[in-house]
Protein backbone atom coordinates (compact mmCIF):
# COMPACT_ATOMS: atom_id res chain seq x y z
CA MET A 1 -1.01 -3.27 30.78
CA THR A 2 2.07 -3.39 28.58
CA VAL A 3 1.20 -6.84 27.21
CA PHE A 4 -2.42 -5.88 26.51
CA HIS A 5 -1.35 -2.67 24.80
CA PHE A 6 1.06 -4.58 22.59
CA LEU A 7 -1.56 -7.23 21.73
CA ASN A 8 -4.16 -4.59 20.92
CA CYS A 9 -1.78 -2.77 18.59
CA ALA A 10 -0.66 -6.04 16.99
CA ILE A 11 -4.27 -7.04 16.32
CA LEU A 12 -5.00 -3.58 14.93
CA THR A 13 -1.96 -3.86 12.66
CA PHE A 14 -2.19 -7.43 11.38
CA GLY A 15 -5.77 -8.47 12.16
CA PRO A 16 -7.41 -6.84 9.11
CA HIS A 17 -5.30 -8.94 6.74
CA ALA A 18 -6.55 -12.18 8.31
CA VAL A 19 -10.13 -10.89 8.40
CA TYR A 20 -10.01 -9.87 4.73
CA TYR A 21 -8.61 -13.25 3.70
CA SER A 22 -11.25 -15.16 5.67
CA ALA A 23 -14.21 -12.95 4.73
CA THR A 24 -13.57 -12.95 0.97
CA PRO A 25 -13.47 -15.82 -1.55
CA LEU A 26 -9.67 -15.81 -1.29
CA SER A 27 -9.83 -18.47 1.43
CA GLU A 28 -12.17 -20.65 -0.65
CA TYR A 29 -9.79 -20.60 -3.62
CA ASP A 30 -6.72 -21.19 -1.42
CA THR A 31 -4.78 -18.19 -2.69
CA ILE A 32 -2.37 -18.10 0.25
CA GLY A 33 0.48 -19.19 -2.03
CA THR A 34 -0.07 -16.19 -4.30
CA SER A 35 -0.11 -13.85 -1.30
CA VAL A 36 3.13 -15.32 0.07
CA LYS A 37 4.84 -14.92 -3.31
CA ALA A 38 3.64 -11.32 -3.54
CA ALA A 39 4.97 -10.65 -0.03
CA LEU A 40 8.40 -11.98 -1.05
CA VAL A 41 8.35 -9.77 -4.16
CA TYR A 42 7.54 -6.79 -1.92
CA LEU A 43 10.54 -7.54 0.29
CA GLY A 44 12.78 -7.64 -2.78
CA THR A 45 11.25 -4.40 -4.04
CA ALA A 46 11.80 -2.75 -0.67
CA LEU A 47 15.46 -3.80 -0.77
CA VAL A 48 15.85 -2.23 -4.23
CA LYS A 49 14.22 0.98 -3.00
CA LEU A 50 16.52 1.05 0.02
CA ILE A 51 19.59 0.70 -2.20
CA CYS A 52 18.32 3.47 -4.52
CA LEU A 53 17.61 5.79 -1.60
CA ALA A 54 21.04 5.17 -0.08
CA THR A 55 22.76 5.64 -3.45
CA PHE A 56 21.03 8.68 -4.93
CA LEU A 57 19.80 10.67 -1.93
CA LYS A 58 22.03 12.76 0.27
CA LEU A 59 21.56 13.26 3.99
CA PRO A 60 19.75 16.60 4.50
CA GLU A 61 21.61 19.17 6.53
CA ASN A 62 18.36 20.72 7.80
CA ASP A 63 14.60 20.26 7.56
CA SER A 64 14.16 22.60 4.60
CA PHE A 65 12.30 21.40 1.52
CA ASP A 66 14.50 20.27 -1.37
CA PRO A 67 12.47 19.88 -4.61
CA TYR A 68 15.14 17.75 -6.28
CA GLN A 69 15.37 15.31 -3.39
CA GLU A 70 11.60 15.04 -3.03
CA SER A 71 11.16 14.47 -6.76
CA LEU A 72 13.80 11.76 -6.63
CA LYS A 73 11.98 10.09 -3.73
CA ALA A 74 8.75 10.15 -5.76
CA LEU A 75 10.50 8.56 -8.74
CA ILE A 76 12.01 5.86 -6.54
CA GLY A 77 8.49 5.20 -5.25
CA PHE A 78 7.61 3.90 -8.72
CA VAL A 79 9.80 0.87 -7.97
CA ASP A 80 6.68 -0.44 -6.20
CA VAL A 81 4.85 -0.31 -9.52
CA ALA A 82 7.57 -2.42 -11.13
CA GLY A 83 7.33 -4.91 -8.28
CA LEU A 84 3.56 -5.14 -8.64
CA TYR A 85 3.97 -5.67 -12.38
CA PHE A 86 6.27 -8.61 -11.68
CA ALA A 87 3.92 -10.05 -9.05
CA LEU A 88 0.84 -9.78 -11.27
CA THR A 89 2.30 -10.91 -14.58
CA GLN A 90 5.43 -12.99 -14.01
CA LEU A 91 4.63 -15.14 -10.99
CA THR A 92 2.93 -18.48 -11.47
CA HIS A 93 -0.55 -18.49 -9.93
CA ARG A 94 -3.29 -21.01 -9.40
CA ASN A 95 -6.08 -21.00 -11.94
CA ILE A 96 -7.89 -18.05 -10.37
CA SER A 97 -9.78 -15.16 -11.89
CA GLN A 98 -8.39 -11.68 -12.33
CA ASN A 99 -10.53 -10.46 -9.43
CA HIS A 100 -9.02 -12.94 -7.01
CA LYS A 101 -5.49 -12.56 -8.39
CA PHE A 102 -5.20 -8.83 -7.73
CA GLN A 103 -6.77 -9.24 -4.29
CA ALA A 104 -4.35 -12.01 -3.33
CA VAL A 105 -1.37 -10.02 -4.61
CA GLY A 106 -2.59 -6.85 -2.89
CA LEU A 107 -3.14 -8.71 0.38
CA GLY A 108 0.37 -10.19 0.39
CA TRP A 109 1.83 -6.84 -0.63
CA ALA A 110 0.01 -5.00 2.18
CA PHE A 111 0.90 -7.63 4.81
CA ALA A 112 4.61 -7.50 3.94
CA ASP A 113 4.42 -3.70 4.05
CA SER A 114 2.95 -3.82 7.57
CA VAL A 115 5.54 -6.33 8.77
CA LEU A 116 8.46 -4.39 7.35
CA HIS A 117 7.39 -0.92 8.53
CA ARG A 118 5.36 -1.60 11.67
CA LEU A 119 6.62 -4.70 13.45
CA ALA A 120 9.81 -3.24 14.96
CA PRO A 121 8.26 0.17 15.90
CA LEU A 122 5.26 -1.67 17.32
CA TRP A 123 7.47 -3.89 19.46
CA VAL A 124 9.41 -0.91 20.77
CA GLY A 125 6.54 1.55 21.17
CA ALA A 126 3.76 -0.69 22.47
CA ARG A 127 6.00 -2.25 25.13
CA GLY A 128 6.34 1.06 26.94
CA LEU A 129 5.25 1.35 30.53
CA GLU A 130 2.47 3.79 29.68
CA PHE A 131 -0.30 3.71 27.12
CA THR A 132 0.17 6.16 24.25
CA TRP A 133 -2.21 6.98 21.42
CA SER A 134 0.68 7.52 19.01
CA THR A 135 1.41 3.80 18.74
CA SER A 136 -2.24 3.00 18.05
CA CYS A 137 -2.42 5.79 15.47
CA LYS A 138 0.67 4.45 13.71
CA ALA A 139 -0.83 0.95 13.66
CA LEU A 140 -4.06 2.35 12.23
CA LYS A 141 -2.21 4.39 9.61
CA ARG A 142 -0.01 1.59 8.33
CA THR A 143 -2.75 -1.05 8.33
CA GLN A 144 -6.19 0.19 7.38
CA ILE A 145 -5.09 3.14 5.26
CA TRP A 146 -2.17 1.61 3.38
CA PHE A 147 -3.96 -1.72 3.13
CA VAL A 148 -6.71 0.00 1.15
CA LEU A 149 -4.19 1.94 -0.94
CA ASN A 150 -2.19 -1.20 -1.78
CA LEU A 151 -5.33 -3.08 -2.81
CA SER A 152 -6.39 -0.14 -4.98
CA LEU A 153 -2.97 0.01 -6.64
CA ALA A 154 -3.08 -3.75 -7.28
CA ALA A 155 -6.54 -3.39 -8.83
CA LEU A 156 -5.36 -0.62 -11.15
CA GLY A 157 -2.25 -2.62 -11.99
CA SER A 158 -4.40 -5.58 -13.00
CA LEU A 159 -6.39 -3.29 -15.30
CA ILE A 160 -3.21 -1.91 -16.87
CA TRP A 161 -1.37 -5.19 -17.44
CA LEU A 162 -4.01 -7.95 -17.41
CA ARG A 163 -7.12 -6.37 -18.89
CA LYS A 164 -6.72 -6.03 -22.65
CA ASN A 165 -10.19 -4.87 -23.71
CA LYS A 166 -10.34 -1.67 -21.68
CA PRO A 167 -12.48 1.27 -22.84
CA ARG A 168 -10.02 3.71 -24.39
CA THR A 169 -11.62 6.67 -22.62
CA LEU A 170 -10.74 5.16 -19.22
CA VAL A 171 -7.07 4.40 -19.97
CA PRO A 172 -5.74 7.92 -19.08
CA ILE A 173 -7.78 7.93 -15.86
CA ILE A 174 -6.44 4.51 -14.87
CA TYR A 175 -2.83 5.60 -15.41
CA ALA A 176 -3.40 8.89 -13.58
CA CYS A 177 -4.91 7.16 -10.55
CA ALA A 178 -2.08 4.61 -10.48
CA GLY A 179 0.44 7.45 -10.55
CA ILE A 180 -1.29 9.19 -7.64
CA LEU A 181 -1.32 5.99 -5.58
CA ALA A 182 2.35 5.27 -6.32
CA THR A 183 3.39 8.76 -5.19
CA MET A 184 1.00 9.02 -2.23
CA PRO A 185 3.81 8.75 0.40
CA SER A 186 5.64 11.64 -1.25
CA ILE A 187 2.44 13.67 -1.51
CA THR A 188 1.72 13.18 2.18
CA ARG A 189 5.27 14.03 3.17
CA PHE A 190 5.26 17.18 1.03
CA LEU A 191 1.91 18.46 2.32
CA PHE A 192 2.43 17.87 6.01
CA GLU A 193 6.13 17.77 6.77
CA HIS A 194 7.07 20.73 4.55
CA GLY A 195 3.72 22.40 3.91
CA LEU A 196 0.78 22.55 6.27
CA GLY A 197 2.52 21.08 9.30
CA TRP A 198 -0.56 19.19 10.51
CA LEU A 199 -0.44 16.95 13.55
CA MET A 200 -0.88 13.18 13.41
CA PRO A 201 -4.73 13.06 13.78
CA LYS A 202 -5.22 15.43 10.84
CA VAL A 203 -2.67 13.54 8.77
CA ILE A 204 -4.46 10.24 9.44
CA ALA A 205 -7.85 11.80 8.65
CA PHE A 206 -6.57 13.13 5.33
CA GLU A 207 -4.95 9.83 4.37
CA LEU A 208 -8.07 7.91 5.39
CA LEU A 209 -10.33 10.08 3.26
CA SER A 210 -7.85 9.93 0.37
CA SER A 211 -7.61 6.13 0.58
CA LEU A 212 -11.38 5.75 0.61
CA ALA A 213 -11.75 8.13 -2.34
CA MET A 214 -9.08 6.30 -4.36
CA ALA A 215 -10.61 2.94 -3.45
CA PHE A 216 -14.01 4.13 -4.68
CA VAL A 217 -12.53 5.43 -7.94
CA SER A 218 -10.55 2.19 -8.46
CA TRP A 219 -13.66 0.11 -7.82
CA GLN A 220 -15.66 2.15 -10.32
CA LEU A 221 -12.91 1.81 -12.94
CA PHE A 222 -12.61 -1.93 -12.33
CA SER A 223 -16.38 -2.36 -12.58
CA ALA A 224 -16.51 -0.30 -15.78
CA CYS A 225 -13.78 -2.43 -17.38
CA GLN A 226 -15.57 -5.63 -16.36
CA ARG A 227 -18.71 -4.73 -18.31
CA PRO A 228 -18.90 -6.25 -21.80
CA SER A 229 -18.30 -3.73 -24.53
CA ALA A 230 -21.29 -2.84 -26.64
């Protein structure tokens, strides 16, 4: 039972990345090199964030909400945006379109995120003697939800840095959506750890709906910017 539980959670965590790569044109254009490079950039970005958190944040004495600390965490979260900028604009890529580039970068970014944040907890939690829904919920949260959010952020990043002929009316919306996606972990932590105090199923439901909404908005913005200007 332990082995099957671990395998199920591992497939739930890392399976969607393989399915997305195989089911989209990414596999036809052999963009695995771009995804690997993006994953390495994510690991470097995560190291920078870890150093910033250890340097500028103090260990809380209690569970009370500290606006200064939470604001600092949100600002440090924008390090991900800098890492995405480097991955989208500074890395050498194959001769692929903008559509495939942001998907390949987002896929590598999301896979590295799942490995870094889920692999060790999955190994410890899913190897327990009894089945628990919490491990499956954590695998679902880190994979499907944050996979969608990372792809959406990569799509918006490609519009900001790679798309030059954007409609001017959409530029503020693109930046606003990118800011929301970059601070989504802080928003979730503020609402549920210090605010509403929801349990894990409600938290996952909220994040799932939020990720789908942001993905829809990002898709609409990307489609609007792809249309030729009149």
